Amino acid sequence: GRNDPNLPAPVRTVAFTLPVPAEGQASVGTAVFEDGDAAIVRVTRVEPGEATKTEGGGADPERSMLSQLMGRQAYEAVLEDMERRAKIERKSLADTGEG
């Protein structure tokens, strides 16, 4: 589940931001840990839960904020992983003849 302490937080974050997989398919993502290790996250099934409402009738603001934060962290982890794997060559404008 979303708060299962047996799963590392980066794995939970990625698992709950992946798209719902089609029947018989899987959604796959990469979770990156603070120490630089990574894990492949594969979601094959999603069980719908119940959304709770606050007294005002809207979604729980803390839950909404946490969801946004988790999404941002997952996005940043994917970008960091891509940058780590990419071969990036940076040149100054002087080196390109445009400066």
Protein backbone atom coordinates (compact mmCIF):
# COMPACT_ATOMS: atom_id res chain seq x y z
CA GLY A 1 0.00 0.00 0.00
CA ARG A 2 0.86 3.65 -0.24
CA ASN A 3 2.15 3.75 3.35
CA ASP A 4 3.68 0.25 3.54
CA PRO A 5 6.85 0.60 5.66
CA ASN A 6 8.25 -2.58 4.07
CA LEU A 7 8.74 -0.75 0.77
CA PRO A 8 11.36 2.00 0.48
CA ALA A 9 9.86 5.47 0.02
CA PRO A 10 11.36 6.02 -3.48
CA VAL A 11 9.78 2.76 -4.69
CA ARG A 12 6.38 3.72 -3.26
CA THR A 13 6.64 7.19 -4.79
CA VAL A 14 7.33 5.84 -8.27
CA ALA A 15 4.74 3.06 -7.98
CA PHE A 16 1.99 5.52 -7.15
CA THR A 17 2.91 7.96 -9.93
CA LEU A 18 3.04 5.40 -12.74
CA PRO A 19 0.06 5.21 -15.10
CA VAL A 20 -2.52 2.48 -14.52
CA PRO A 21 -1.41 -0.47 -16.68
CA ALA A 22 -3.69 -1.92 -19.34
CA GLU A 23 -5.09 -5.39 -18.76
CA GLY A 24 -2.26 -7.94 -18.96
CA GLN A 25 0.37 -5.20 -19.26
CA ALA A 26 2.72 -3.44 -16.84
CA SER A 27 3.79 0.13 -16.15
CA VAL A 28 7.52 0.42 -15.47
CA GLY A 29 9.58 3.16 -13.82
CA THR A 30 12.88 3.73 -12.05
CA ALA A 31 13.27 4.63 -8.38
CA VAL A 32 16.53 6.30 -7.39
CA PHE A 33 17.71 6.18 -3.78
CA GLU A 34 19.69 8.87 -1.95
CA ASP A 35 22.86 6.75 -2.12
CA GLY A 36 22.62 6.58 -5.93
CA ASP A 37 21.31 3.01 -6.10
CA ALA A 38 18.31 2.46 -8.32
CA ALA A 39 15.42 0.00 -8.54
CA ILE A 40 13.09 -0.88 -11.37
CA VAL A 41 9.45 -0.55 -10.32
CA ARG A 42 6.88 -2.66 -12.20
CA VAL A 43 3.16 -2.20 -11.57
CA THR A 44 0.90 -4.90 -13.03
CA ARG A 45 -2.38 -4.15 -11.27
CA VAL A 46 -4.05 -1.26 -9.48
CA GLU A 47 -6.75 -1.67 -6.86
CA PRO A 48 -8.98 1.39 -6.62
CA GLY A 49 -9.25 2.97 -3.20
CA GLU A 50 -11.69 5.40 -1.70
CA ALA A 51 -11.08 9.13 -1.83
CA THR A 52 -12.03 10.80 1.42
CA LYS A 53 -13.52 14.25 1.66
CA THR A 54 -12.89 16.82 4.35
CA GLU A 55 -15.69 18.66 6.13
CA GLY A 56 -15.54 21.40 3.50
CA GLY A 57 -16.24 18.85 0.77
CA GLY A 58 -12.84 19.14 -0.90
CA ALA A 59 -9.89 16.77 -0.95
CA ASP A 60 -7.68 16.67 2.12
CA PRO A 61 -5.18 19.56 1.60
CA GLU A 62 -2.32 17.67 3.26
CA ARG A 63 -2.92 14.70 0.99
CA SER A 64 -2.96 16.95 -2.07
CA MET A 65 0.27 18.67 -1.04
CA LEU A 66 1.95 15.32 -0.34
CA SER A 67 0.84 13.99 -3.71
CA GLN A 68 2.35 17.00 -5.49
CA LEU A 69 5.58 16.65 -3.51
CA MET A 70 5.85 12.94 -4.29
CA GLY A 71 5.26 13.61 -7.98
CA ARG A 72 7.94 16.29 -8.01
CA GLN A 73 10.41 13.99 -6.24
CA ALA A 74 9.74 11.18 -8.71
CA TYR A 75 10.22 13.58 -11.63
CA GLU A 76 13.50 14.89 -10.20
CA ALA A 77 14.72 11.33 -9.58
CA VAL A 78 14.04 10.38 -13.20
CA LEU A 79 15.86 13.49 -14.45
CA GLU A 80 18.85 12.77 -12.20
CA ASP A 81 18.96 9.18 -13.46
CA MET A 82 18.82 10.34 -17.08
CA GLU A 83 21.60 12.89 -16.53
CA ARG A 84 23.75 10.27 -14.81
CA ARG A 85 23.37 7.88 -17.77
CA ALA A 86 23.63 10.46 -20.55
CA LYS A 87 26.83 11.44 -22.27
CA ILE A 88 26.72 15.21 -21.98
CA GLU A 89 29.34 17.43 -23.55
CA ARG A 90 29.20 21.10 -22.65
CA LYS A 91 31.03 23.70 -24.69
CA SER A 92 31.37 27.40 -24.06
CA LEU A 93 30.20 29.85 -26.72
CA ALA A 94 33.86 30.72 -27.34
CA ASP A 95 34.54 27.10 -28.34
CA THR A 96 31.68 27.08 -30.85
CA GLY A 97 32.70 30.30 -32.58
CA GLU A 98 29.46 32.02 -31.59
CA GLY A 99 30.82 34.11 -28.75
